[in-house]
């Protein structure tokens, strides 16, 4: 009977050690995952911020190009009007 009691105590002790190691492993895995999550989140935030900056720069470039196009169109419109007036004068002089 003593051997069985010793065996039972050994099983209890080993079970306790197993549970303790399992908890340690769980804590280690959780810490590792949290650490990796923080690093990944940092990289994602940095990448997002870079994209936001690039997007802002692109939007500014598009706005500048739109303004330049509008100015060019207005200048061309003025030139076209002047040329149409000249053409009308030329036609009047030629008689057409």
PDB file of N, CA and C in Angstrom:
ATOM      1  N   UNK A   1       0.819  -1.188   0.000  1.00  0.00           N
ATOM      2  CA  UNK A   1       0.000   0.000   0.000  1.00  0.00           C
ATOM      3  C   UNK A   1       0.868   1.260   0.000  1.00  0.00           C
ATOM      4  N   UNK A   2       2.034   1.170   0.641  1.00  0.00           N
ATOM      5  CA  UNK A   2       2.948   2.303   0.697  1.00  0.00           C
ATOM      6  C   UNK A   2       3.434   2.688  -0.685  1.00  0.00           C
ATOM      7  N   UNK A   3       3.673   1.662  -1.530  1.00  0.00           N
ATOM      8  CA  UNK A   3       4.132   1.953  -2.890  1.00  0.00           C
ATOM      9  C   UNK A   3       3.070   2.728  -3.668  1.00  0.00           C
ATOM     10  N   UNK A   4       1.826   2.366  -3.444  1.00  0.00           N
ATOM     11  CA  UNK A   4       0.748   3.073  -4.149  1.00  0.00           C
ATOM     12  C   UNK A   4       0.631   4.506  -3.678  1.00  0.00           C
ATOM     13  N   UNK A   5       0.802   4.727  -2.397  1.00  0.00           N
ATOM     14  CA  UNK A   5       0.737   6.086  -1.855  1.00  0.00           C
ATOM     15  C   UNK A   5       1.897   6.919  -2.404  1.00  0.00           C
ATOM     16  N   UNK A   6       3.071   6.294  -2.471  1.00  0.00           N
ATOM     17  CA  UNK A   6       4.228   7.001  -3.033  1.00  0.00           C
ATOM     18  C   UNK A   6       3.975   7.332  -4.506  1.00  0.00           C
ATOM     19  N   UNK A   7       3.422   6.359  -5.200  1.00  0.00           N
ATOM     20  CA  UNK A   7       3.122   6.563  -6.622  1.00  0.00           C
ATOM     21  C   UNK A   7       2.084   7.670  -6.788  1.00  0.00           C
ATOM     22  N   UNK A   8       1.067   7.686  -5.955  1.00  0.00           N
ATOM     23  CA  UNK A   8       0.037   8.719  -6.012  1.00  0.00           C
ATOM     24  C   UNK A   8       0.644  10.097  -5.734  1.00  0.00           C
ATOM     25  N   UNK A   9       1.511  10.183  -4.740  1.00  0.00           N
ATOM     26  CA  UNK A   9       2.185  11.447  -4.429  1.00  0.00           C
ATOM     27  C   UNK A   9       3.063  11.893  -5.597  1.00  0.00           C
ATOM     28  N   UNK A  10       3.755  10.946  -6.224  1.00  0.00           N
ATOM     29  CA  UNK A  10       4.598  11.251  -7.376  1.00  0.00           C
ATOM     30  C   UNK A  10       3.747  11.779  -8.531  1.00  0.00           C
ATOM     31  N   UNK A  11       2.618  11.120  -8.775  1.00  0.00           N
ATOM     32  CA  UNK A  11       1.718  11.556  -9.845  1.00  0.00           C
ATOM     33  C   UNK A  11       1.188  12.957  -9.543  1.00  0.00           C
ATOM     34  N   UNK A  12       0.808  13.216  -8.299  1.00  0.00           N
ATOM     35  CA  UNK A  12       0.316  14.546  -7.923  1.00  0.00           C
ATOM     36  C   UNK A  12       1.403  15.603  -8.119  1.00  0.00           C
ATOM     37  N   UNK A  13       2.625  15.277  -7.689  1.00  0.00           N
ATOM     38  CA  UNK A  13       3.729  16.224  -7.826  1.00  0.00           C
ATOM     39  C   UNK A  13       4.021  16.496  -9.300  1.00  0.00           C
ATOM     40  N   UNK A  14       4.072  15.428 -10.091  1.00  0.00           N
ATOM     41  CA  UNK A  14       4.356  15.581 -11.518  1.00  0.00           C
ATOM     42  C   UNK A  14       3.232  16.332 -12.232  1.00  0.00           C
ATOM     43  N   UNK A  15       1.998  16.062 -11.820  1.00  0.00           N
ATOM     44  CA  UNK A  15       0.861  16.771 -12.402  1.00  0.00           C
ATOM     45  C   UNK A  15       0.956  18.261 -12.083  1.00  0.00           C
ATOM     46  N   UNK A  16       1.314  18.576 -10.854  1.00  0.00           N
ATOM     47  CA  UNK A  16       1.487  19.976 -10.456  1.00  0.00           C
ATOM     48  C   UNK A  16       2.596  20.644 -11.253  1.00  0.00           C
ATOM     49  N   UNK A  17       3.716  19.938 -11.418  1.00  0.00           N
ATOM     50  CA  UNK A  17       4.822  20.480 -12.213  1.00  0.00           C
ATOM     51  C   UNK A  17       4.394  20.675 -13.667  1.00  0.00           C
ATOM     52  N   UNK A  18       3.641  19.705 -14.169  1.00  0.00           N
ATOM     53  CA  UNK A  18       3.162  19.806 -15.551  1.00  0.00           C
ATOM     54  C   UNK A  18       2.279  21.037 -15.717  1.00  0.00           C
ATOM     55  N   UNK A  19       1.352  21.239 -14.778  1.00  0.00           N
ATOM     56  CA  UNK A  19       0.458  22.400 -14.842  1.00  0.00           C
ATOM     57  C   UNK A  19       1.252  23.699 -14.750  1.00  0.00           C
ATOM     58  N   UNK A  20       2.251  23.704 -13.869  1.00  0.00           N
ATOM     59  CA  UNK A  20       3.082  24.895 -13.712  1.00  0.00           C
ATOM     60  C   UNK A  20       3.833  25.204 -15.007  1.00  0.00           C
ATOM     61  N   UNK A  21       4.413  24.177 -15.610  1.00  0.00           N
ATOM     62  CA  UNK A  21       5.142  24.366 -16.878  1.00  0.00           C
ATOM     63  C   UNK A  21       4.185  24.790 -17.998  1.00  0.00           C
ATOM     64  N   UNK A  22       3.001  24.217 -17.987  1.00  0.00           N
ATOM     65  CA  UNK A  22       2.017  24.572 -19.004  1.00  0.00           C
ATOM     66  C   UNK A  22       1.647  26.051 -18.881  1.00  0.00           C
ATOM     67  N   UNK A  23       1.450  26.524 -17.653  1.00  0.00           N
ATOM     68  CA  UNK A  23       1.140  27.938 -17.433  1.00  0.00           C
ATOM     69  C   UNK A  23       2.310  28.824 -17.852  1.00  0.00           C
ATOM     70  N   UNK A  24       3.541  28.390 -17.530  1.00  0.00           N
ATOM     71  CA  UNK A  24       4.720  29.159 -17.939  1.00  0.00           C
ATOM     72  C   UNK A  24       4.796  29.251 -19.464  1.00  0.00           C
ATOM     73  N   UNK A  25       4.554  28.131 -20.122  1.00  0.00           N
ATOM     74  CA  UNK A  25       4.598  28.105 -21.578  1.00  0.00           C
ATOM     75  C   UNK A  25       3.506  29.003 -22.160  1.00  0.00           C
ATOM     76  N   UNK A  26       2.307  28.915 -21.601  1.00  0.00           N
ATOM     77  CA  UNK A  26       1.209  29.764 -22.056  1.00  0.00           C
ATOM     78  C   UNK A  26       1.569  31.237 -21.899  1.00  0.00           C
ATOM     79  N   UNK A  27       2.121  31.601 -20.744  1.00  0.00           N
ATOM     80  CA  UNK A  27       2.516  32.990 -20.511  1.00  0.00           C
ATOM     81  C   UNK A  27       3.594  33.433 -21.500  1.00  0.00           C
ATOM     82  N   UNK A  28       4.558  32.556 -21.761  1.00  0.00           N
ATOM     83  CA  UNK A  28       5.629  32.871 -22.710  1.00  0.00           C
ATOM     84  C   UNK A  28       5.065  33.085 -24.112  1.00  0.00           C
ATOM     85  N   UNK A  29       4.175  32.189 -24.518  1.00  0.00           N
ATOM     86  CA  UNK A  29       3.572  32.302 -25.852  1.00  0.00           C
ATOM     87  C   UNK A  29       2.752  33.587 -25.952  1.00  0.00           C
ATOM     88  N   UNK A  30       1.976  33.895 -24.930  1.00  0.00           N
ATOM     89  CA  UNK A  30       1.176  35.125 -24.941  1.00  0.00           C
ATOM     90  C   UNK A  30       2.057  36.367 -25.009  1.00  0.00           C
ATOM     91  N   UNK A  31       3.139  36.382 -24.227  1.00  0.00           N
ATOM     92  CA  UNK A  31       4.055  37.522 -24.264  1.00  0.00           C
ATOM     93  C   UNK A  31       4.685  37.667 -25.642  1.00  0.00           C
ATOM     94  N   UNK A  32       5.075  36.543 -26.229  1.00  0.00           N
ATOM     95  CA  UNK A  32       5.685  36.574 -27.565  1.00  0.00           C
ATOM     96  C   UNK A  32       4.691  37.091 -28.594  1.00  0.00           C
ATOM     97  N   UNK A  33       3.461  36.593 -28.523  1.00  0.00           N
ATOM     98  CA  UNK A  33       2.441  37.039 -29.473  1.00  0.00           C
ATOM     99  C   UNK A  33       2.146  38.528 -29.310  1.00  0.00           C
ATOM    100  N   UNK A  34       2.043  38.973 -28.069  1.00  0.00           N
ATOM    101  CA  UNK A  34       1.770  40.397 -27.823  1.00  0.00           C
ATOM    102  C   UNK A  34       2.921  41.257 -28.331  1.00  0.00           C
ATOM    103  N   UNK A  35       4.139  40.797 -28.092  1.00  0.00           N
ATOM    104  CA  UNK A  35       5.310  41.535 -28.563  1.00  0.00           C
ATOM    105  C   UNK A  35       5.313  41.613 -30.085  1.00  0.00           C
ATOM    106  N   UNK A  36       5.053  40.482 -30.731  1.00  0.00           N
ATOM    107  CA  UNK A  36       5.009  40.465 -32.193  1.00  0.00           C
ATOM    108  C   UNK A  36       3.865  41.324 -32.712  1.00  0.00           C
ATOM    109  N   UNK A  37       2.726  41.276 -32.034  1.00  0.00           N
ATOM    110  CA  UNK A  37       1.576  42.077 -32.440  1.00  0.00           C
ATOM    111  C   UNK A  37       1.914  43.563 -32.384  1.00  0.00           C
ATOM    112  N   UNK A  38       2.607  43.974 -31.316  1.00  0.00           N
ATOM    113  CA  UNK A  38       2.994  45.380 -31.186  1.00  0.00           C
ATOM    114  C   UNK A  38       3.938  45.786 -32.313  1.00  0.00           C
ATOM    115  N   UNK A  39       4.885  44.904 -32.646  1.00  0.00           N
ATOM    116  CA  UNK A  39       5.832  45.209 -33.726  1.00  0.00           C
ATOM    117  C   UNK A  39       5.105  45.309 -35.064  1.00  0.00           C
ATOM    118  N   UNK A  40       4.225  44.361 -35.325  1.00  0.00           N
ATOM    119  CA  UNK A  40       3.469  44.373 -36.585  1.00  0.00           C
ATOM    120  C   UNK A  40       2.581  45.613 -36.644  1.00  0.00           C
ATOM    121  N   UNK A  41       1.943  45.947 -35.540  1.00  0.00           N
ATOM    122  CA  UNK A  41       1.091  47.137 -35.500  1.00  0.00           C
ATOM    123  C   UNK A  41       1.917  48.389 -35.768  1.00  0.00           C
ATOM    124  N   UNK A  42       3.124  48.434 -35.206  1.00  0.00           N
ATOM    125  CA  UNK A  42       4.005  49.572 -35.453  1.00  0.00           C
ATOM    126  C   UNK A  42       4.374  49.702 -36.918  1.00  0.00           C
ATOM    127  N   UNK A  43       4.693  48.571 -37.546  1.00  0.00           N
ATOM    128  CA  UNK A  43       5.036  48.585 -38.975  1.00  0.00           C
ATOM    129  C   UNK A  43       3.829  49.018 -39.801  1.00  0.00           C
ATOM    130  N   UNK A  44       2.654  48.489 -39.470  1.00  0.00           N
ATOM    131  CA  UNK A  44       1.441  48.868 -40.203  1.00  0.00           C
ATOM    132  C   UNK A  44       1.137  50.357 -40.053  1.00  0.00           C
ATOM    133  N   UNK A  45       1.280  50.873 -38.846  1.00  0.00           N
ATOM    134  CA  UNK A  45       1.030  52.304 -38.626  1.00  0.00           C
ATOM    135  C   UNK A  45       2.013  53.157 -39.423  1.00  0.00           C
ATOM    136  N   UNK A  46       3.276  52.749 -39.401  1.00  0.00           N
ATOM    137  CA  UNK A  46       4.295  53.485 -40.153  1.00  0.00           C
ATOM    138  C   UNK A  46       3.987  53.465 -41.644  1.00  0.00           C
ATOM    139  N   UNK A  47       3.629  52.296 -42.156  1.00  0.00           N
ATOM    140  CA  UNK A  47       3.306  52.161 -43.579  1.00  0.00           C
ATOM    141  C   UNK A  47       2.079  52.990 -43.928  1.00  0.00           C
ATOM    142  N   UNK A  48       1.059  52.935 -43.074  1.00  0.00           N
ATOM    143  CA  UNK A  48      -0.150  53.731 -43.301  1.00  0.00           C
ATOM    144  C   UNK A  48       0.178  55.220 -43.348  1.00  0.00           C
ATOM    145  N   UNK A  49       1.011  55.669 -42.419  1.00  0.00           N
ATOM    146  CA  UNK A  49       1.380  57.088 -42.392  1.00  0.00           C
ATOM    147  C   UNK A  49       2.141  57.489 -43.652  1.00  0.00           C
ATOM    148  N   UNK A  50       3.004  56.602 -44.143  1.00  0.00           N
ATOM    149  CA  UNK A  50       3.730  56.897 -45.381  1.00  0.00           C
ATOM    150  C   UNK A  50       2.757  57.007 -46.550  1.00  0.00           C
ATOM    151  N   UNK A  51       1.785  56.100 -46.600  1.00  0.00           N
ATOM    152  CA  UNK A  51       0.788  56.157 -47.675  1.00  0.00           C
ATOM    153  C   UNK A  51      -0.052  57.426 -47.579  1.00  0.00           C
ATOM    154  N   UNK A  52      -0.397  57.824 -46.379  1.00  0.00           N
ATOM    155  CA  UNK A  52      -1.171  59.056 -46.191  1.00  0.00           C
ATOM    156  C   UNK A  52      -0.364  60.250 -46.698  1.00  0.00           C
ATOM    157  N   UNK A  53       0.928  60.288 -46.340  1.00  0.00           N
ATOM    158  CA  UNK A  53       1.781  61.387 -46.804  1.00  0.00           C
ATOM    159  C   UNK A  53       1.877  61.398 -48.322  1.00  0.00           C
ATOM    160  N   UNK A  54       2.066  60.223 -48.905  1.00  0.00           N
ATOM    161  CA  UNK A  54       2.164  60.138 -50.366  1.00  0.00           C
ATOM    162  C   UNK A  54       0.846  60.544 -51.019  1.00  0.00           C
ATOM    163  N   UNK A  55      -0.259  60.122 -50.423  1.00  0.00           N
ATOM    164  CA  UNK A  55      -1.573  60.488 -50.955  1.00  0.00           C
ATOM    165  C   UNK A  55      -1.763  62.000 -50.911  1.00  0.00           C
ATOM    166  N   UNK A  56      -1.378  62.605 -49.795  1.00  0.00           N
ATOM    167  CA  UNK A  56      -1.495  64.060 -49.679  1.00  0.00           C
ATOM    168  C   UNK A  56      -0.652  64.759 -50.745  1.00  0.00           C
ATOM    169  N   UNK A  57       0.560  64.250 -50.961  1.00  0.00           N
ATOM    170  CA  UNK A  57       1.438  64.844 -51.981  1.00  0.00           C
ATOM    171  C   UNK A  57       0.826  64.690 -53.368  1.00  0.00           C
ATOM    172  N   UNK A  58       0.272  63.512 -53.643  1.00  0.00           N
ATOM    173  CA  UNK A  58      -0.361  63.289 -54.947  1.00  0.00           C
ATOM    174  C   UNK A  58      -1.572  64.194 -55.137  1.00  0.00           C
ATOM    175  N   UNK A  59      -2.373  64.352 -54.097  1.00  0.00           N
ATOM    176  CA  UNK A  59      -3.534  65.239 -54.193  1.00  0.00           C
ATOM    177  C   UNK A  59      -3.099  66.673 -54.481  1.00  0.00           C
ATOM    178  N   UNK A  60      -2.027  67.117 -53.835  1.00  0.00           N
ATOM    179  CA  UNK A  60      -1.522  68.467 -54.082  1.00  0.00           C
ATOM    180  C   UNK A  60      -1.036  68.600 -55.528  1.00  0.00           C
ATOM    181  N   UNK A  61      -0.370  67.563 -56.025  1.00  0.00           N
ATOM    182  CA  UNK A  61       0.103  67.594 -57.414  1.00  0.00           C
ATOM    183  C   UNK A  61      -1.069  67.636 -58.388  1.00  0.00           C
ATOM    184  N   UNK A  62      -2.094  66.852 -58.123  1.00  0.00           N
ATOM    185  CA  UNK A  62      -3.270  66.831 -58.998  1.00  0.00           C
ATOM    186  C   UNK A  62      -3.946  68.201 -58.999  1.00  0.00           C
ATOM    187  N   UNK A  63      -4.071  68.804 -57.833  1.00  0.00           N
ATOM    188  CA  UNK A  63      -4.691  70.133 -57.761  1.00  0.00           C
ATOM    189  C   UNK A  63      -3.867  71.154 -58.545  1.00  0.00           C
ATOM    190  N   UNK A  64      -2.544  71.093 -58.405  1.00  0.00           N
ATOM    191  CA  UNK A  64      -1.680  72.026 -59.139  1.00  0.00           C
ATOM    192  C   UNK A  64      -1.820  71.811 -60.643  1.00  0.00           C
ATOM    193  N   UNK A  65      -1.882  70.547 -61.057  1.00  0.00           N
ATOM    194  CA  UNK A  65      -2.050  70.254 -62.486  1.00  0.00           C
ATOM    195  C   UNK A  65      -3.398  70.742 -62.994  1.00  0.00           C
ATOM    196  N   UNK A  66      -4.450  70.568 -62.200  1.00  0.00           N
ATOM    197  CA  UNK A  66      -5.776  71.052 -62.604  1.00  0.00           C
ATOM    198  C   UNK A  66      -5.757  72.560 -62.788  1.00  0.00           C
ATOM    199  N   UNK A  67      -5.119  73.261 -61.847  1.00  0.00           N
ATOM    200  CA  UNK A  67      -5.038  74.718 -61.956  1.00  0.00           C
ATOM    201  C   UNK A  67      -4.251  75.123 -63.199  1.00  0.00           C
ATOM    202  N   UNK A  68      -3.160  74.408 -63.450  1.00  0.00           N
ATOM    203  CA  UNK A  68      -2.349  74.707 -64.633  1.00  0.00           C
ATOM    204  C   UNK A  68      -3.136  74.450 -65.915  1.00  0.00           C
ATOM    205  N   UNK A  69      -3.890  73.368 -65.939  1.00  0.00           N
ATOM    206  CA  UNK A  69      -4.713  73.044 -67.112  1.00  0.00           C
ATOM    207  C   UNK A  69      -5.774  74.121 -67.321  1.00  0.00           C
ATOM    208  N   UNK A  70      -6.413  74.551 -66.230  1.00  0.00           N
ATOM    209  CA  UNK A  70      -7.440  75.595 -66.348  1.00  0.00           C
ATOM    210  C   UNK A  70      -6.833  76.891 -66.888  1.00  0.00           C
ATOM    211  N   UNK A  71      -5.654  77.261 -66.385  1.00  0.00           N
ATOM    212  CA  UNK A  71      -4.999  78.485 -66.859  1.00  0.00           C
ATOM    213  C   UNK A  71      -4.642  78.357 -68.335  1.00  0.00           C
ATOM    214  N   UNK A  72      -4.141  77.191 -68.730  1.00  0.00           N
ATOM    215  CA  UNK A  72      -3.789  76.961 -70.134  1.00  0.00           C
ATOM    216  C   UNK A  72      -5.031  77.015 -71.013  1.00  0.00           C
ATOM    217  N   UNK A  73      -6.126  76.410 -70.544  1.00  0.00           N
ATOM    218  CA  UNK A  73      -7.372  76.423 -71.322  1.00  0.00           C
ATOM    219  C   UNK A  73      -7.895  77.843 -71.493  1.00  0.00           C
ATOM    220  N   UNK A  74      -7.804  78.645 -70.430  1.00  0.00           N
ATOM    221  CA  UNK A  74      -8.265  80.033 -70.528  1.00  0.00           C
ATOM    222  C   UNK A  74      -7.398  80.810 -71.519  1.00  0.00           C
ATOM    223  N   UNK A  75      -6.085  80.596 -71.459  1.00  0.00           N
ATOM    224  CA  UNK A  75      -5.182  81.289 -72.388  1.00  0.00           C
ATOM    225  C   UNK A  75      -5.471  80.860 -73.816  1.00  0.00           C
ATOM    226  N   UNK A  76      -5.665  79.557 -74.019  1.00  0.00           N
ATOM    227  CA  UNK A  76      -5.964  79.061 -75.366  1.00  0.00           C
ATOM    228  C   UNK A  76      -7.307  79.583 -75.860  1.00  0.00           C
ATOM    229  N   UNK A  77      -8.269  79.668 -74.956  1.00  0.00           N
ATOM    230  CA  UNK A  77      -9.582  80.193 -75.323  1.00  0.00           C
ATOM    231  C   UNK A  77      -9.459  81.644 -75.790  1.00  0.00           C
ATOM    232  N   UNK A  78      -8.669  82.417 -75.086  1.00  0.00           N
ATOM    233  CA  UNK A  78      -8.442  83.817 -75.475  1.00  0.00           C
ATOM    234  C   UNK A  78      -7.767  83.893 -76.839  1.00  0.00           C
ATOM    235  N   UNK A  79      -6.757  83.057 -77.051  1.00  0.00           N
ATOM    236  CA  UNK A  79      -6.052  83.040 -78.342  1.00  0.00           C
ATOM    237  C   UNK A  79      -7.005  82.635 -79.463  1.00  0.00           C
ATOM    238  N   UNK A  80      -7.849  81.644 -79.211  1.00  0.00           N
ATOM    239  CA  UNK A  80      -8.817  81.193 -80.224  1.00  0.00           C
ATOM    240  C   UNK A  80      -9.771  82.328 -80.580  1.00  0.00           C
ATOM    241  N   UNK A  81     -10.258  83.038 -79.556  1.00  0.00           N
ATOM    242  CA  UNK A  81     -11.156  84.176 -79.818  1.00  0.00           C
ATOM    243  C   UNK A  81     -10.460  85.232 -80.670  1.00  0.00           C
ATOM    244  N   UNK A  82      -9.203  85.535 -80.336  1.00  0.00           N
ATOM    245  CA  UNK A  82      -8.451  86.527 -81.117  1.00  0.00           C
ATOM    246  C   UNK A  82      -8.264  86.058 -82.561  1.00  0.00           C
ATOM    247  N   UNK A  83      -7.943  84.779 -82.726  1.00  0.00           N
ATOM    248  CA  UNK A  83      -7.755  84.241 -84.076  1.00  0.00           C
ATOM    249  C   UNK A  83      -9.061  84.247 -84.864  1.00  0.00           C
ATOM    250  N   UNK A  84     -10.174  83.953 -84.172  1.00  0.00           N
ATOM    251  CA  UNK A  84     -11.473  83.994 -84.853  1.00  0.00           C
ATOM    252  C   UNK A  84     -11.791  85.414 -85.314  1.00  0.00           C
ATOM    253  N   UNK A  85     -11.456  86.395 -84.475  1.00  0.00           N
ATOM    254  CA  UNK A  85     -11.669  87.798 -84.864  1.00  0.00           C
ATOM    255  C   UNK A  85     -10.797  88.163 -86.067  1.00  0.00           C
ATOM    256  N   UNK A  86      -9.527  87.724 -86.035  1.00  0.00           N
ATOM    257  CA  UNK A  86      -8.627  87.991 -87.165  1.00  0.00           C
ATOM    258  C   UNK A  86      -9.136  87.329 -88.426  1.00  0.00           C
ATOM    259  N   UNK A  87      -9.617  86.099 -88.283  1.00  0.00           N
ATOM    260  CA  UNK A  87     -10.151  85.369 -89.438  1.00  0.00           C
ATOM    261  C   UNK A  87     -11.356  86.110 -90.012  1.00  0.00           C
ATOM    262  N   UNK A  88     -12.211  86.599 -89.133  1.00  0.00           N
ATOM    263  CA  UNK A  88     -13.390  87.353 -89.593  1.00  0.00           C
ATOM    264  C   UNK A  88     -12.955  88.608 -90.346  1.00  0.00           C
ATOM    265  N   UNK A  89     -11.938  89.306 -89.846  1.00  0.00           N
ATOM    266  CA  UNK A  89     -11.425  90.493 -90.537  1.00  0.00           C
ATOM    267  C   UNK A  89     -10.830  90.124 -91.892  1.00  0.00           C
ATOM    268  N   UNK A  90     -10.065  89.046 -91.909  1.00  0.00           N
ATOM    269  CA  UNK A  90      -9.456  88.593 -93.169  1.00  0.00           C
ATOM    270  C   UNK A  90     -10.536  88.226 -94.179  1.00  0.00           C
ATOM    271  N   UNK A  91     -11.571  87.539 -93.727  1.00  0.00           N
ATOM    272  CA  UNK A  91     -12.665  87.160 -94.635  1.00  0.00           C
ATOM    273  C   UNK A  91     -13.369  88.412 -95.161  1.00  0.00           C
ATOM    274  N   UNK A  92     -13.532  89.390 -94.285  1.00  0.00           N
ATOM    275  CA  UNK A  92     -14.194  90.635 -94.708  1.00  0.00           C
ATOM    276  C   UNK A  92     -13.351  91.364 -95.743  1.00  0.00           C
ATOM    277  N   UNK A  93     -12.037  91.351 -95.536  1.00  0.00           N
ATOM    278  CA  UNK A  93     -11.143  92.023 -96.485  1.00  0.00           C
ATOM    279  C   UNK A  93     -11.141  91.291 -97.811  1.00  0.00           C
ATOM    280  N   UNK A  94     -11.103  89.964 -97.769  1.00  0.00           N
ATOM    281  CA  UNK A  94     -11.064  89.165 -98.996  1.00  0.00           C
ATOM    282  C   UNK A  94     -12.444  89.146 -99.640  1.00  0.00           C
ATOM    283  N   UNK A  95     -13.472  89.294 -98.879  1.00  0.00           N
ATOM    284  CA  UNK A  95     -14.811  89.336 -99.439  1.00  0.00           C
ATOM    285  C   UNK A  95     -15.549  88.025 -99.332  1.00  0.00           C
ATOM    286  N   UNK A  96     -15.227  87.210 -98.454  1.00  0.00           N
ATOM    287  CA  UNK A  96     -15.940  85.938 -98.301  1.00  0.00           C
ATOM    288  C   UNK A  96     -16.886  85.996 -97.154  1.00  0.00           C
TER     289      UNK A  96
END
